[in-house]
Amino acid sequence: MDSGDTTDSDPLSREDPMATLRSWWRLPGPVRAEVRRLSLERRHHPDEEIAWTAWRWAQVVLPPGAPEPGRARNILSALGFWTEIVVDLVTGAQPTDPPAPHWLDRRRARRILRLGPPVR
C-alpha cells in the first residue's frame, strides 16, 4: 500500500483536523461536560452524532498509534497552558480558531478512545 493512498475505511478520517476541533468546540459547554462525565463512567453519549463528534475529536487530539504523553510532558504542557492563559489575559487576545489540544484534552481523549468507536 502506497503511503499516499487515501482509501481509508472511515471517510471521516480524511476530515481536516481543524474542522474536527471546530465541530467539537461548537458543541455547547454542557454537552461537552456531559461527554466527559459519561466517558468517566465508561459510556458513550446517547446522541450518536455527539458521540461521533467526540470520537473524531479524540482521534485528532491523540491520533491512533501516537504514544501517550508521559508525566514530564504533561507537567510541561500544563505549565505552558497556564502561561498562555496569563499572556492572553494580559494582552487581551481574542482567538479565532479553537485552542490547540493540551494536556487535559489528551487525558479526556484517552478516556473516549478507550471506549472504542460509537456503535452505529
N, C-alpha and C. Protein backbone atom coordinates (compact mmCIF):
# COMPACT_ATOMS: atom_id res chain seq x y z
N MET A 1 0.84 -1.18 0.00
CA MET A 1 0.00 0.00 0.00
C MET A 1 0.88 1.23 0.00
N ASP A 2 0.60 2.14 -0.89
CA ASP A 2 1.36 3.37 -1.01
C ASP A 2 1.04 4.31 0.15
N SER A 3 2.04 5.04 0.63
CA SER A 3 1.82 5.93 1.76
C SER A 3 0.88 7.08 1.40
N GLY A 4 0.72 7.39 0.11
CA GLY A 4 -0.18 8.44 -0.31
C GLY A 4 -1.59 7.95 -0.56
N ASP A 5 -1.83 6.66 -0.35
CA ASP A 5 -3.14 6.07 -0.59
C ASP A 5 -4.12 6.58 0.47
N THR A 6 -5.28 7.07 0.01
CA THR A 6 -6.27 7.62 0.94
C THR A 6 -7.53 6.78 0.99
N THR A 7 -7.41 5.48 0.76
CA THR A 7 -8.59 4.62 0.80
C THR A 7 -8.79 4.10 2.20
N ASP A 8 -9.11 4.98 3.10
CA ASP A 8 -9.40 4.59 4.48
C ASP A 8 -10.80 4.03 4.55
N SER A 9 -11.03 3.14 5.50
CA SER A 9 -12.37 2.58 5.67
C SER A 9 -13.30 3.61 6.30
N ASP A 10 -12.77 4.57 7.00
CA ASP A 10 -13.57 5.61 7.64
C ASP A 10 -13.42 6.91 6.87
N PRO A 11 -14.48 7.34 6.13
CA PRO A 11 -14.35 8.57 5.35
C PRO A 11 -14.16 9.80 6.23
N LEU A 12 -14.56 9.72 7.49
CA LEU A 12 -14.41 10.87 8.38
C LEU A 12 -12.96 11.10 8.77
N SER A 13 -12.11 10.07 8.58
CA SER A 13 -10.70 10.22 8.95
C SER A 13 -9.98 11.18 8.02
N ARG A 14 -10.57 11.46 6.85
CA ARG A 14 -9.93 12.38 5.91
C ARG A 14 -10.34 13.83 6.17
N GLU A 15 -11.16 14.06 7.19
CA GLU A 15 -11.63 15.40 7.53
C GLU A 15 -10.46 16.23 8.04
N ASP A 16 -10.51 17.52 7.76
CA ASP A 16 -9.50 18.46 8.22
C ASP A 16 -9.46 18.47 9.75
N PRO A 17 -8.28 18.32 10.35
CA PRO A 17 -8.20 18.31 11.82
C PRO A 17 -8.77 19.58 12.46
N MET A 18 -8.54 20.75 11.85
CA MET A 18 -9.08 21.98 12.42
C MET A 18 -10.60 21.99 12.35
N ALA A 19 -11.18 21.43 11.30
CA ALA A 19 -12.64 21.35 11.20
C ALA A 19 -13.19 20.44 12.29
N THR A 20 -12.46 19.37 12.58
CA THR A 20 -12.88 18.46 13.66
C THR A 20 -12.83 19.17 15.00
N LEU A 21 -11.76 19.91 15.25
CA LEU A 21 -11.65 20.67 16.51
C LEU A 21 -12.76 21.71 16.60
N ARG A 22 -13.04 22.39 15.48
CA ARG A 22 -14.11 23.39 15.49
C ARG A 22 -15.46 22.75 15.79
N SER A 23 -15.74 21.58 15.20
CA SER A 23 -17.03 20.93 15.45
C SER A 23 -17.18 20.55 16.92
N TRP A 24 -16.07 20.16 17.56
CA TRP A 24 -16.11 19.84 19.00
C TRP A 24 -16.38 21.10 19.81
N TRP A 25 -15.67 22.19 19.50
CA TRP A 25 -15.81 23.42 20.27
C TRP A 25 -17.13 24.14 20.00
N ARG A 26 -17.80 23.80 18.90
CA ARG A 26 -19.13 24.38 18.63
C ARG A 26 -20.22 23.73 19.47
N LEU A 27 -19.93 22.54 20.00
CA LEU A 27 -20.90 21.92 20.90
C LEU A 27 -21.03 22.78 22.15
N PRO A 28 -22.23 22.93 22.68
CA PRO A 28 -22.38 23.73 23.91
C PRO A 28 -21.55 23.14 25.06
N GLY A 29 -21.10 24.01 25.94
CA GLY A 29 -20.29 23.59 27.08
C GLY A 29 -20.92 22.47 27.90
N PRO A 30 -22.23 22.55 28.21
CA PRO A 30 -22.84 21.47 28.99
C PRO A 30 -22.81 20.12 28.26
N VAL A 31 -22.89 20.15 26.93
CA VAL A 31 -22.84 18.89 26.17
C VAL A 31 -21.44 18.30 26.25
N ARG A 32 -20.41 19.15 26.09
CA ARG A 32 -19.03 18.64 26.21
C ARG A 32 -18.78 18.10 27.62
N ALA A 33 -19.33 18.80 28.63
CA ALA A 33 -19.17 18.33 30.01
C ALA A 33 -19.87 16.98 30.19
N GLU A 34 -21.02 16.81 29.54
CA GLU A 34 -21.73 15.53 29.64
C GLU A 34 -20.93 14.41 28.98
N VAL A 35 -20.29 14.70 27.85
CA VAL A 35 -19.44 13.70 27.19
C VAL A 35 -18.30 13.31 28.12
N ARG A 36 -17.69 14.30 28.77
CA ARG A 36 -16.59 14.00 29.70
C ARG A 36 -17.08 13.17 30.88
N ARG A 37 -18.23 13.54 31.42
CA ARG A 37 -18.79 12.79 32.56
C ARG A 37 -19.11 11.35 32.16
N LEU A 38 -19.73 11.18 31.00
CA LEU A 38 -20.07 9.83 30.55
C LEU A 38 -18.81 9.00 30.26
N SER A 39 -17.76 9.64 29.75
CA SER A 39 -16.53 8.89 29.48
C SER A 39 -15.89 8.41 30.78
N LEU A 40 -16.03 9.20 31.85
CA LEU A 40 -15.54 8.75 33.15
C LEU A 40 -16.33 7.54 33.64
N GLU A 41 -17.61 7.47 33.25
CA GLU A 41 -18.46 6.34 33.61
C GLU A 41 -18.34 5.20 32.59
N ARG A 42 -17.43 5.37 31.63
CA ARG A 42 -17.17 4.38 30.57
C ARG A 42 -18.41 4.14 29.71
N ARG A 43 -19.05 5.25 29.31
CA ARG A 43 -20.21 5.18 28.43
C ARG A 43 -20.09 6.23 27.34
N HIS A 44 -20.69 5.93 26.18
CA HIS A 44 -20.77 6.91 25.09
C HIS A 44 -21.96 7.82 25.33
N HIS A 45 -21.93 8.97 24.70
CA HIS A 45 -23.07 9.88 24.76
C HIS A 45 -24.24 9.22 24.02
N PRO A 46 -25.47 9.34 24.53
CA PRO A 46 -26.60 8.69 23.88
C PRO A 46 -26.93 9.25 22.49
N ASP A 47 -26.60 10.51 22.23
CA ASP A 47 -26.81 11.09 20.90
C ASP A 47 -25.67 10.63 20.01
N GLU A 48 -26.00 9.88 18.95
CA GLU A 48 -24.97 9.28 18.10
C GLU A 48 -24.09 10.34 17.43
N GLU A 49 -24.67 11.43 17.00
CA GLU A 49 -23.90 12.48 16.34
C GLU A 49 -22.87 13.09 17.29
N ILE A 50 -23.28 13.34 18.51
CA ILE A 50 -22.36 13.90 19.51
C ILE A 50 -21.28 12.88 19.86
N ALA A 51 -21.66 11.61 19.97
CA ALA A 51 -20.68 10.56 20.28
C ALA A 51 -19.62 10.48 19.18
N TRP A 52 -20.04 10.57 17.91
CA TRP A 52 -19.07 10.51 16.81
C TRP A 52 -18.21 11.77 16.76
N THR A 53 -18.80 12.93 17.08
CA THR A 53 -18.01 14.16 17.13
C THR A 53 -16.93 14.04 18.19
N ALA A 54 -17.30 13.50 19.35
CA ALA A 54 -16.32 13.31 20.43
C ALA A 54 -15.24 12.31 20.01
N TRP A 55 -15.64 11.24 19.34
CA TRP A 55 -14.68 10.22 18.89
C TRP A 55 -13.68 10.81 17.90
N ARG A 56 -14.17 11.59 16.91
CA ARG A 56 -13.27 12.20 15.92
C ARG A 56 -12.36 13.22 16.59
N TRP A 57 -12.91 14.00 17.55
CA TRP A 57 -12.08 14.96 18.28
C TRP A 57 -10.96 14.24 19.02
N ALA A 58 -11.29 13.14 19.69
CA ALA A 58 -10.29 12.38 20.44
C ALA A 58 -9.21 11.83 19.53
N GLN A 59 -9.60 11.43 18.30
CA GLN A 59 -8.60 10.92 17.35
C GLN A 59 -7.67 12.02 16.87
N VAL A 60 -8.16 13.25 16.81
CA VAL A 60 -7.28 14.37 16.43
C VAL A 60 -6.33 14.69 17.57
N VAL A 61 -6.85 14.68 18.79
CA VAL A 61 -6.03 15.02 19.96
C VAL A 61 -4.98 13.93 20.21
N LEU A 62 -5.37 12.68 20.14
CA LEU A 62 -4.46 11.54 20.31
C LEU A 62 -4.61 10.63 19.11
N PRO A 63 -3.89 10.90 18.01
CA PRO A 63 -4.04 10.08 16.81
C PRO A 63 -3.72 8.61 17.10
N PRO A 64 -4.39 7.69 16.40
CA PRO A 64 -4.11 6.26 16.60
C PRO A 64 -2.64 5.97 16.37
N GLY A 65 -2.05 5.22 17.26
CA GLY A 65 -0.64 4.85 17.15
C GLY A 65 0.31 5.86 17.77
N ALA A 66 -0.18 7.03 18.14
CA ALA A 66 0.68 8.03 18.77
C ALA A 66 0.94 7.62 20.22
N PRO A 67 2.17 7.78 20.68
CA PRO A 67 2.44 7.43 22.08
C PRO A 67 1.71 8.37 23.02
N GLU A 68 1.23 7.82 24.11
CA GLU A 68 0.57 8.65 25.11
C GLU A 68 1.64 9.43 25.86
N PRO A 69 1.38 10.71 26.14
CA PRO A 69 2.39 11.52 26.80
C PRO A 69 2.66 11.05 28.21
N GLY A 70 3.89 11.21 28.60
CA GLY A 70 4.28 10.82 29.95
C GLY A 70 4.06 11.95 30.94
N ARG A 71 4.40 11.69 32.17
CA ARG A 71 4.17 12.66 33.25
C ARG A 71 4.94 13.96 33.03
N ALA A 72 6.21 13.87 32.65
CA ALA A 72 7.02 15.08 32.46
C ALA A 72 6.44 15.96 31.36
N ARG A 73 6.04 15.33 30.26
CA ARG A 73 5.45 16.11 29.17
C ARG A 73 4.13 16.74 29.60
N ASN A 74 3.34 16.02 30.39
CA ASN A 74 2.08 16.59 30.87
C ASN A 74 2.33 17.80 31.76
N ILE A 75 3.35 17.72 32.61
CA ILE A 75 3.66 18.85 33.50
C ILE A 75 4.10 20.06 32.69
N LEU A 76 4.98 19.85 31.71
CA LEU A 76 5.43 20.95 30.86
C LEU A 76 4.28 21.53 30.05
N SER A 77 3.42 20.67 29.55
CA SER A 77 2.27 21.13 28.78
C SER A 77 1.32 21.94 29.66
N ALA A 78 1.11 21.50 30.89
CA ALA A 78 0.24 22.23 31.81
C ALA A 78 0.82 23.61 32.12
N LEU A 79 2.12 23.67 32.35
CA LEU A 79 2.76 24.97 32.61
C LEU A 79 2.62 25.90 31.41
N GLY A 80 2.82 25.35 30.21
CA GLY A 80 2.64 26.16 29.00
C GLY A 80 1.21 26.62 28.82
N PHE A 81 0.26 25.75 29.15
CA PHE A 81 -1.15 26.07 29.04
C PHE A 81 -1.51 27.25 29.95
N TRP A 82 -1.09 27.19 31.21
CA TRP A 82 -1.41 28.26 32.14
C TRP A 82 -0.66 29.55 31.81
N THR A 83 0.55 29.43 31.31
CA THR A 83 1.30 30.61 30.87
C THR A 83 0.58 31.28 29.71
N GLU A 84 0.09 30.48 28.77
CA GLU A 84 -0.64 31.02 27.62
C GLU A 84 -1.91 31.75 28.07
N ILE A 85 -2.60 31.22 29.05
CA ILE A 85 -3.80 31.88 29.57
C ILE A 85 -3.45 33.23 30.18
N VAL A 86 -2.37 33.28 30.97
CA VAL A 86 -1.96 34.54 31.59
C VAL A 86 -1.58 35.56 30.52
N VAL A 87 -0.82 35.12 29.52
CA VAL A 87 -0.41 36.04 28.45
C VAL A 87 -1.64 36.54 27.69
N ASP A 88 -2.59 35.67 27.40
CA ASP A 88 -3.81 36.08 26.70
C ASP A 88 -4.63 37.06 27.52
N LEU A 89 -4.67 36.87 28.84
CA LEU A 89 -5.40 37.80 29.70
C LEU A 89 -4.73 39.18 29.72
N VAL A 90 -3.41 39.17 29.74
CA VAL A 90 -2.67 40.43 29.79
C VAL A 90 -2.78 41.17 28.45
N THR A 91 -2.66 40.46 27.35
CA THR A 91 -2.68 41.11 26.03
C THR A 91 -4.08 41.30 25.49
N GLY A 92 -5.08 40.61 26.07
CA GLY A 92 -6.45 40.74 25.58
C GLY A 92 -6.66 40.06 24.24
N ALA A 93 -5.92 39.01 23.96
CA ALA A 93 -6.03 38.30 22.69
C ALA A 93 -7.42 37.67 22.54
N GLN A 94 -7.95 37.73 21.33
CA GLN A 94 -9.23 37.11 21.01
C GLN A 94 -8.98 36.01 19.98
N PRO A 95 -8.97 34.75 20.39
CA PRO A 95 -8.68 33.67 19.44
C PRO A 95 -9.80 33.51 18.42
N THR A 96 -9.41 33.22 17.18
CA THR A 96 -10.40 32.98 16.12
C THR A 96 -10.54 31.50 15.83
N ASP A 97 -9.53 30.73 16.13
CA ASP A 97 -9.58 29.28 15.94
C ASP A 97 -9.70 28.60 17.29
N PRO A 98 -10.18 27.35 17.29
CA PRO A 98 -10.25 26.63 18.56
C PRO A 98 -8.85 26.47 19.15
N PRO A 99 -8.77 26.38 20.46
CA PRO A 99 -7.45 26.23 21.07
C PRO A 99 -6.81 24.90 20.69
N ALA A 100 -5.50 24.90 20.64
CA ALA A 100 -4.78 23.66 20.36
C ALA A 100 -4.97 22.71 21.54
N PRO A 101 -5.03 21.41 21.27
CA PRO A 101 -5.19 20.45 22.37
C PRO A 101 -4.04 20.57 23.37
N HIS A 102 -4.35 20.41 24.63
CA HIS A 102 -3.34 20.49 25.68
C HIS A 102 -3.44 19.26 26.56
N TRP A 103 -2.71 19.24 27.65
CA TRP A 103 -2.57 18.06 28.50
C TRP A 103 -3.91 17.53 28.98
N LEU A 104 -4.82 18.39 29.37
CA LEU A 104 -6.11 17.93 29.88
C LEU A 104 -6.94 17.32 28.76
N ASP A 105 -6.84 17.90 27.56
CA ASP A 105 -7.54 17.33 26.41
C ASP A 105 -7.03 15.93 26.11
N ARG A 106 -5.73 15.72 26.23
CA ARG A 106 -5.18 14.38 25.95
C ARG A 106 -5.69 13.35 26.94
N ARG A 107 -5.84 13.74 28.20
CA ARG A 107 -6.41 12.82 29.20
C ARG A 107 -7.84 12.48 28.85
N ARG A 108 -8.63 13.50 28.49
CA ARG A 108 -10.03 13.27 28.15
C ARG A 108 -10.15 12.45 26.87
N ALA A 109 -9.30 12.74 25.89
CA ALA A 109 -9.34 11.98 24.63
C ALA A 109 -8.98 10.52 24.88
N ARG A 110 -8.02 10.27 25.74
CA ARG A 110 -7.63 8.89 26.04
C ARG A 110 -8.81 8.12 26.60
N ARG A 111 -9.62 8.75 27.48
CA ARG A 111 -10.80 8.08 28.03
C ARG A 111 -11.82 7.75 26.94
N ILE A 112 -12.03 8.70 26.03
CA ILE A 112 -13.01 8.47 24.96
C ILE A 112 -12.52 7.37 24.02
N LEU A 113 -11.23 7.38 23.70
CA LEU A 113 -10.68 6.36 22.79
C LEU A 113 -10.72 4.98 23.41
N ARG A 114 -10.55 4.88 24.71
CA ARG A 114 -10.60 3.58 25.37
C ARG A 114 -11.98 2.95 25.30
N LEU A 115 -13.02 3.77 25.11
CA LEU A 115 -14.38 3.24 24.96
C LEU A 115 -14.58 2.54 23.63
N GLY A 116 -13.78 2.87 22.66
CA GLY A 116 -13.98 2.33 21.32
C GLY A 116 -14.93 3.23 20.56
N PRO A 117 -15.02 3.02 19.24
CA PRO A 117 -15.91 3.88 18.45
C PRO A 117 -17.37 3.64 18.81
N PRO A 118 -18.18 4.69 18.70
CA PRO A 118 -19.61 4.51 18.98
C PRO A 118 -20.21 3.52 17.98
N VAL A 119 -21.06 2.68 18.45
CA VAL A 119 -21.67 1.67 17.60
C VAL A 119 -22.78 2.32 16.80
N ARG A 120 -22.79 2.02 15.51
CA ARG A 120 -23.85 2.58 14.64
C ARG A 120 -25.06 1.71 14.69
